Amino acid sequence: MVNGASAKNVLGGKLETCCTSPMTGFYRNGKCETGADDLGVHVVCAQVTDEFLAFTKAHGNDLSAPGFGFPGVKAGDRWCLCVSRWKEALEAGAAPPVDLAATHAAALKEVSLDDLTDHAIQTEI
């Protein structure tokens, strides 16, 4: 794993857990960590939407369909997405909201912090 316990998020802080139900992350540890064997770079912690699920299904990756030990996800679930797919969705106007504290700093190699911030999950204060 890249960084492991010292992994940083896009804000420069400690990488927080994205989701444990369903268990997400390339390493299925709840975090959007990445490493040399993660060819898809699953580093964006997103709260998936119906619009995004339809978009990614139309592009060959049906995240809503269970299979091979994968539970499938539904709108409202948080999931570690491939940064390239999130960027494609952004360009198509279908990017789901992201949890900045749980999105790995490696995402900044492909997308800007401004784009991620513009799509940040809004939390009540």
N, C-alpha and C. Protein backbone atom coordinates (compact mmCIF):
# COMPACT_ATOMS: atom_id res chain seq x y z
N MET A 1 0.83 -1.18 0.00
CA MET A 1 0.00 0.00 0.00
C MET A 1 0.87 1.24 0.00
N VAL A 2 0.42 2.25 -0.68
CA VAL A 2 1.11 3.52 -0.67
C VAL A 2 0.79 4.23 0.64
N ASN A 3 1.79 4.61 1.38
CA ASN A 3 1.69 5.39 2.61
C ASN A 3 1.07 4.63 3.78
N GLY A 4 0.16 3.70 3.56
CA GLY A 4 -0.48 2.98 4.67
C GLY A 4 -1.07 3.93 5.68
N ALA A 5 -0.64 3.81 6.92
CA ALA A 5 -1.19 4.62 8.01
C ALA A 5 -0.87 6.11 7.85
N SER A 6 0.14 6.44 7.05
CA SER A 6 0.51 7.84 6.88
C SER A 6 -0.08 8.45 5.61
N ALA A 7 -1.02 7.77 4.98
CA ALA A 7 -1.62 8.28 3.75
C ALA A 7 -2.28 9.63 4.01
N LYS A 8 -2.16 10.53 3.04
CA LYS A 8 -2.71 11.88 3.16
C LYS A 8 -3.91 12.05 2.24
N ASN A 9 -4.82 12.92 2.68
CA ASN A 9 -5.97 13.25 1.84
C ASN A 9 -5.65 14.49 1.00
N VAL A 10 -6.58 14.90 0.16
CA VAL A 10 -6.35 16.03 -0.75
C VAL A 10 -6.20 17.36 -0.01
N LEU A 11 -6.58 17.40 1.26
CA LEU A 11 -6.45 18.62 2.06
C LEU A 11 -5.14 18.64 2.85
N GLY A 12 -4.36 17.56 2.74
CA GLY A 12 -3.07 17.47 3.42
C GLY A 12 -3.13 16.81 4.78
N GLY A 13 -4.33 16.41 5.21
CA GLY A 13 -4.49 15.74 6.50
C GLY A 13 -4.44 14.23 6.35
N LYS A 14 -4.67 13.54 7.46
CA LYS A 14 -4.71 12.08 7.49
C LYS A 14 -5.88 11.58 6.64
N LEU A 15 -5.64 10.56 5.84
CA LEU A 15 -6.70 9.97 5.02
C LEU A 15 -7.72 9.30 5.92
N GLU A 16 -8.96 9.77 5.84
CA GLU A 16 -10.04 9.23 6.67
C GLU A 16 -10.70 8.04 5.98
N THR A 17 -11.47 7.29 6.72
CA THR A 17 -12.22 6.16 6.18
C THR A 17 -13.32 6.68 5.26
N CYS A 18 -13.50 6.03 4.13
CA CYS A 18 -14.55 6.39 3.18
C CYS A 18 -15.84 5.68 3.57
N CYS A 19 -15.80 4.35 3.65
CA CYS A 19 -17.00 3.58 3.98
C CYS A 19 -16.63 2.14 4.33
N THR A 20 -17.34 1.60 5.32
CA THR A 20 -17.14 0.20 5.68
C THR A 20 -18.40 -0.63 5.45
N SER A 21 -19.48 0.01 5.03
CA SER A 21 -20.72 -0.72 4.73
C SER A 21 -21.43 -0.03 3.56
N PRO A 22 -21.19 -0.46 2.33
CA PRO A 22 -20.36 -1.62 1.95
C PRO A 22 -18.87 -1.31 2.11
N MET A 23 -18.08 -2.36 2.33
CA MET A 23 -16.64 -2.22 2.50
C MET A 23 -16.02 -1.81 1.17
N THR A 24 -15.40 -0.65 1.15
CA THR A 24 -14.85 -0.11 -0.07
C THR A 24 -13.33 -0.08 -0.03
N GLY A 25 -12.76 0.46 -1.08
CA GLY A 25 -11.31 0.60 -1.21
C GLY A 25 -10.74 -0.54 -2.03
N PHE A 26 -9.71 -0.23 -2.77
CA PHE A 26 -9.05 -1.26 -3.57
C PHE A 26 -8.62 -2.43 -2.69
N TYR A 27 -8.21 -2.11 -1.46
CA TYR A 27 -7.75 -3.15 -0.53
C TYR A 27 -8.87 -3.63 0.39
N ARG A 28 -10.10 -3.17 0.14
CA ARG A 28 -11.29 -3.52 0.93
C ARG A 28 -11.02 -3.35 2.43
N ASN A 29 -10.49 -2.16 2.76
CA ASN A 29 -10.25 -1.81 4.16
C ASN A 29 -11.02 -0.55 4.56
N GLY A 30 -11.90 -0.07 3.68
CA GLY A 30 -12.71 1.10 3.98
C GLY A 30 -12.07 2.42 3.58
N LYS A 31 -10.81 2.38 3.15
CA LYS A 31 -10.09 3.60 2.79
C LYS A 31 -9.72 3.61 1.32
N CYS A 32 -9.63 4.80 0.76
CA CYS A 32 -9.26 4.97 -0.66
C CYS A 32 -7.75 5.02 -0.80
N GLU A 33 -7.08 3.99 -0.28
CA GLU A 33 -5.63 3.88 -0.40
C GLU A 33 -5.29 3.29 -1.77
N THR A 34 -4.07 3.49 -2.20
CA THR A 34 -3.64 2.99 -3.50
C THR A 34 -2.23 2.43 -3.39
N GLY A 35 -1.85 1.70 -4.39
CA GLY A 35 -0.52 1.11 -4.45
C GLY A 35 -0.21 0.68 -5.86
N ALA A 36 0.95 0.10 -6.06
CA ALA A 36 1.41 -0.27 -7.40
C ALA A 36 0.46 -1.24 -8.10
N ASP A 37 -0.24 -2.08 -7.34
CA ASP A 37 -1.14 -3.06 -7.95
C ASP A 37 -2.54 -2.50 -8.22
N ASP A 38 -2.81 -1.27 -7.81
CA ASP A 38 -4.10 -0.61 -8.04
C ASP A 38 -4.02 0.16 -9.35
N LEU A 39 -4.17 -0.56 -10.45
CA LEU A 39 -4.04 0.06 -11.76
C LEU A 39 -5.13 1.09 -12.05
N GLY A 40 -6.29 0.96 -11.41
CA GLY A 40 -7.38 1.90 -11.62
C GLY A 40 -7.27 3.15 -10.76
N VAL A 41 -6.37 3.16 -9.79
CA VAL A 41 -6.16 4.28 -8.87
C VAL A 41 -7.49 4.68 -8.23
N HIS A 42 -7.99 3.82 -7.36
CA HIS A 42 -9.28 3.98 -6.67
C HIS A 42 -9.12 4.90 -5.47
N VAL A 43 -9.06 6.21 -5.72
CA VAL A 43 -8.68 7.16 -4.67
C VAL A 43 -9.71 8.23 -4.36
N VAL A 44 -10.80 8.31 -5.12
CA VAL A 44 -11.82 9.33 -4.89
C VAL A 44 -12.95 8.74 -4.08
N CYS A 45 -13.16 9.26 -2.87
CA CYS A 45 -14.26 8.81 -2.02
C CYS A 45 -15.50 9.59 -2.43
N ALA A 46 -16.41 8.92 -3.10
CA ALA A 46 -17.61 9.58 -3.62
C ALA A 46 -18.86 9.02 -2.98
N GLN A 47 -19.85 9.87 -2.87
CA GLN A 47 -21.19 9.42 -2.48
C GLN A 47 -21.94 9.27 -3.79
N VAL A 48 -22.11 8.03 -4.22
CA VAL A 48 -22.64 7.79 -5.56
C VAL A 48 -24.09 8.24 -5.69
N THR A 49 -24.41 8.65 -6.89
CA THR A 49 -25.75 9.12 -7.23
C THR A 49 -26.32 8.22 -8.33
N ASP A 50 -27.63 8.26 -8.50
CA ASP A 50 -28.26 7.51 -9.60
C ASP A 50 -27.68 7.97 -10.93
N GLU A 51 -27.46 9.27 -11.07
CA GLU A 51 -26.91 9.82 -12.31
C GLU A 51 -25.53 9.24 -12.59
N PHE A 52 -24.67 9.18 -11.57
CA PHE A 52 -23.34 8.62 -11.77
C PHE A 52 -23.41 7.13 -12.06
N LEU A 53 -24.26 6.40 -11.35
CA LEU A 53 -24.38 4.96 -11.59
C LEU A 53 -24.81 4.68 -13.03
N ALA A 54 -25.73 5.48 -13.57
CA ALA A 54 -26.14 5.32 -14.96
C ALA A 54 -24.99 5.67 -15.90
N PHE A 55 -24.25 6.72 -15.57
CA PHE A 55 -23.11 7.13 -16.40
C PHE A 55 -22.06 6.03 -16.48
N THR A 56 -21.65 5.50 -15.32
CA THR A 56 -20.58 4.50 -15.32
C THR A 56 -21.06 3.18 -15.95
N LYS A 57 -22.33 2.84 -15.76
CA LYS A 57 -22.87 1.64 -16.41
C LYS A 57 -22.81 1.79 -17.92
N ALA A 58 -23.16 2.98 -18.42
CA ALA A 58 -23.12 3.24 -19.87
C ALA A 58 -21.69 3.18 -20.42
N HIS A 59 -20.70 3.30 -19.52
CA HIS A 59 -19.31 3.24 -19.93
C HIS A 59 -18.65 1.92 -19.54
N GLY A 60 -19.48 0.89 -19.30
CA GLY A 60 -18.97 -0.46 -19.14
C GLY A 60 -18.67 -0.93 -17.73
N ASN A 61 -19.02 -0.14 -16.71
CA ASN A 61 -18.76 -0.57 -15.34
C ASN A 61 -20.02 -0.38 -14.51
N ASP A 62 -20.80 -1.44 -14.39
CA ASP A 62 -22.06 -1.39 -13.65
C ASP A 62 -21.78 -1.62 -12.17
N LEU A 63 -21.59 -0.53 -11.43
CA LEU A 63 -21.29 -0.63 -10.00
C LEU A 63 -22.48 -1.07 -9.18
N SER A 64 -23.68 -1.02 -9.76
CA SER A 64 -24.87 -1.42 -9.01
C SER A 64 -25.10 -2.93 -9.03
N ALA A 65 -24.41 -3.63 -9.90
CA ALA A 65 -24.61 -5.08 -10.04
C ALA A 65 -23.68 -5.86 -9.13
N PRO A 66 -24.24 -6.68 -8.24
CA PRO A 66 -23.40 -7.52 -7.40
C PRO A 66 -22.73 -8.63 -8.22
N GLY A 67 -21.60 -9.10 -7.74
CA GLY A 67 -20.93 -10.22 -8.40
C GLY A 67 -19.51 -10.38 -7.92
N PHE A 68 -19.01 -11.61 -7.92
CA PHE A 68 -17.64 -11.93 -7.55
C PHE A 68 -17.29 -11.39 -6.16
N GLY A 69 -18.21 -11.51 -5.20
CA GLY A 69 -17.98 -11.03 -3.86
C GLY A 69 -18.20 -9.53 -3.69
N PHE A 70 -18.58 -8.87 -4.76
CA PHE A 70 -18.85 -7.43 -4.75
C PHE A 70 -20.34 -7.24 -4.50
N PRO A 71 -20.71 -6.44 -3.49
CA PRO A 71 -22.12 -6.31 -3.13
C PRO A 71 -22.95 -5.43 -4.06
N GLY A 72 -22.29 -4.65 -4.89
CA GLY A 72 -23.00 -3.64 -5.67
C GLY A 72 -23.26 -2.44 -4.79
N VAL A 73 -23.35 -1.27 -5.39
CA VAL A 73 -23.61 -0.06 -4.62
C VAL A 73 -24.89 0.59 -5.13
N LYS A 74 -25.48 1.42 -4.27
CA LYS A 74 -26.70 2.13 -4.64
C LYS A 74 -26.50 3.61 -4.33
N ALA A 75 -27.36 4.42 -4.89
CA ALA A 75 -27.28 5.86 -4.64
C ALA A 75 -27.26 6.11 -3.13
N GLY A 76 -26.36 6.98 -2.72
CA GLY A 76 -26.20 7.30 -1.30
C GLY A 76 -25.03 6.58 -0.65
N ASP A 77 -24.61 5.43 -1.22
CA ASP A 77 -23.45 4.72 -0.69
C ASP A 77 -22.18 5.51 -1.01
N ARG A 78 -21.20 5.38 -0.15
CA ARG A 78 -19.88 5.95 -0.44
C ARG A 78 -19.00 4.83 -0.99
N TRP A 79 -18.19 5.19 -1.99
CA TRP A 79 -17.39 4.18 -2.68
C TRP A 79 -16.12 4.83 -3.19
N CYS A 80 -15.01 4.11 -3.16
CA CYS A 80 -13.75 4.60 -3.70
C CYS A 80 -13.74 4.39 -5.21
N LEU A 81 -13.80 5.50 -5.93
CA LEU A 81 -13.85 5.46 -7.39
C LEU A 81 -12.47 5.64 -8.00
N CYS A 82 -12.31 5.12 -9.20
CA CYS A 82 -11.12 5.39 -9.99
C CYS A 82 -11.12 6.88 -10.32
N VAL A 83 -9.99 7.53 -10.10
CA VAL A 83 -9.93 8.96 -10.36
C VAL A 83 -10.22 9.28 -11.83
N SER A 84 -9.80 8.41 -12.73
CA SER A 84 -10.05 8.67 -14.16
C SER A 84 -11.55 8.61 -14.47
N ARG A 85 -12.30 7.71 -13.84
CA ARG A 85 -13.75 7.64 -14.08
C ARG A 85 -14.45 8.85 -13.48
N TRP A 86 -14.00 9.29 -12.29
CA TRP A 86 -14.60 10.48 -11.69
C TRP A 86 -14.36 11.69 -12.60
N LYS A 87 -13.15 11.77 -13.16
CA LYS A 87 -12.82 12.88 -14.07
C LYS A 87 -13.69 12.83 -15.33
N GLU A 88 -13.90 11.63 -15.89
CA GLU A 88 -14.79 11.48 -17.05
C GLU A 88 -16.20 11.94 -16.70
N ALA A 89 -16.67 11.56 -15.52
CA ALA A 89 -18.01 11.96 -15.07
C ALA A 89 -18.08 13.48 -14.88
N LEU A 90 -17.02 14.05 -14.36
CA LEU A 90 -16.95 15.51 -14.20
C LEU A 90 -17.12 16.19 -15.55
N GLU A 91 -16.37 15.73 -16.53
CA GLU A 91 -16.42 16.33 -17.86
C GLU A 91 -17.78 16.15 -18.52
N ALA A 92 -18.52 15.11 -18.12
CA ALA A 92 -19.85 14.84 -18.68
C ALA A 92 -20.98 15.45 -17.83
N GLY A 93 -20.61 16.13 -16.75
CA GLY A 93 -21.62 16.73 -15.88
C GLY A 93 -22.31 15.74 -14.96
N ALA A 94 -21.67 14.59 -14.69
CA ALA A 94 -22.29 13.55 -13.87
C ALA A 94 -21.44 13.17 -12.66
N ALA A 95 -20.51 14.03 -12.27
CA ALA A 95 -19.63 13.69 -11.16
C ALA A 95 -20.39 13.67 -9.84
N PRO A 96 -20.23 12.59 -9.07
CA PRO A 96 -20.89 12.53 -7.75
C PRO A 96 -20.12 13.37 -6.74
N PRO A 97 -20.77 13.73 -5.63
CA PRO A 97 -20.07 14.48 -4.58
C PRO A 97 -18.98 13.64 -3.94
N VAL A 98 -17.96 14.33 -3.43
CA VAL A 98 -16.81 13.65 -2.83
C VAL A 98 -16.60 14.06 -1.38
N ASP A 99 -16.02 13.14 -0.63
CA ASP A 99 -15.61 13.39 0.75
C ASP A 99 -14.12 13.73 0.68
N LEU A 100 -13.79 14.99 0.84
CA LEU A 100 -12.40 15.45 0.68
C LEU A 100 -11.47 14.80 1.70
N ALA A 101 -11.92 14.62 2.91
CA ALA A 101 -11.07 14.05 3.97
C ALA A 101 -10.76 12.58 3.71
N ALA A 102 -11.59 11.91 2.90
CA ALA A 102 -11.40 10.49 2.60
C ALA A 102 -10.91 10.25 1.17
N THR A 103 -10.60 11.33 0.44
CA THR A 103 -10.07 11.22 -0.92
C THR A 103 -8.56 11.36 -0.86
N HIS A 104 -7.87 10.35 -1.38
CA HIS A 104 -6.41 10.27 -1.32
C HIS A 104 -5.76 11.40 -2.13
N ALA A 105 -4.66 11.91 -1.63
CA ALA A 105 -3.91 12.98 -2.30
C ALA A 105 -3.48 12.60 -3.72
N ALA A 106 -3.37 11.32 -4.01
CA ALA A 106 -2.99 10.88 -5.37
C ALA A 106 -3.99 11.35 -6.41
N ALA A 107 -5.22 11.66 -6.01
CA ALA A 107 -6.23 12.15 -6.96
C ALA A 107 -5.78 13.45 -7.60
N LEU A 108 -4.97 14.22 -6.90
CA LEU A 108 -4.55 15.52 -7.41
C LEU A 108 -3.61 15.42 -8.61
N LYS A 109 -3.15 14.21 -8.92
CA LYS A 109 -2.34 14.01 -10.13
C LYS A 109 -3.20 14.10 -11.38
N GLU A 110 -4.53 13.88 -11.24
CA GLU A 110 -5.42 13.89 -12.40
C GLU A 110 -6.52 14.94 -12.35
N VAL A 111 -6.91 15.37 -11.17
CA VAL A 111 -7.97 16.37 -11.04
C VAL A 111 -7.51 17.46 -10.08
N SER A 112 -8.08 18.63 -10.24
CA SER A 112 -7.67 19.75 -9.39
C SER A 112 -8.42 19.74 -8.06
N LEU A 113 -7.80 20.33 -7.06
CA LEU A 113 -8.45 20.48 -5.77
C LEU A 113 -9.70 21.35 -5.93
N ASP A 114 -9.65 22.33 -6.81
CA ASP A 114 -10.82 23.18 -7.05
C ASP A 114 -12.01 22.35 -7.55
N ASP A 115 -11.77 21.44 -8.50
CA ASP A 115 -12.87 20.60 -9.01
C ASP A 115 -13.41 19.70 -7.91
N LEU A 116 -12.52 19.12 -7.11
CA LEU A 116 -12.97 18.28 -6.01
C LEU A 116 -13.75 19.09 -4.99
N THR A 117 -13.24 20.26 -4.66
CA THR A 117 -13.91 21.13 -3.68
C THR A 117 -15.28 21.56 -4.17
N ASP A 118 -15.38 21.85 -5.47
CA ASP A 118 -16.67 22.23 -6.05
C ASP A 118 -17.70 21.11 -5.92
N HIS A 119 -17.23 19.88 -5.75
CA HIS A 119 -18.12 18.72 -5.65
C HIS A 119 -18.07 18.09 -4.26
N ALA A 120 -17.58 18.84 -3.28
CA ALA A 120 -17.46 18.31 -1.92
C ALA A 120 -18.84 18.06 -1.32
N ILE A 121 -18.93 16.98 -0.57
CA ILE A 121 -20.15 16.69 0.17
C ILE A 121 -20.35 17.80 1.19
N GLN A 122 -21.52 18.35 1.19
CA GLN A 122 -21.83 19.43 2.12
C GLN A 122 -22.28 18.81 3.44
N THR A 123 -21.65 19.23 4.52
CA THR A 123 -22.04 18.74 5.83
C THR A 123 -22.61 19.87 6.65
N GLU A 124 -23.52 19.52 7.54
CA GLU A 124 -24.13 20.53 8.40
C GLU A 124 -23.16 20.91 9.49
N ILE A 125 -23.17 22.19 9.84
CA ILE A 125 -22.27 22.69 10.90
C ILE A 125 -23.11 23.01 12.11
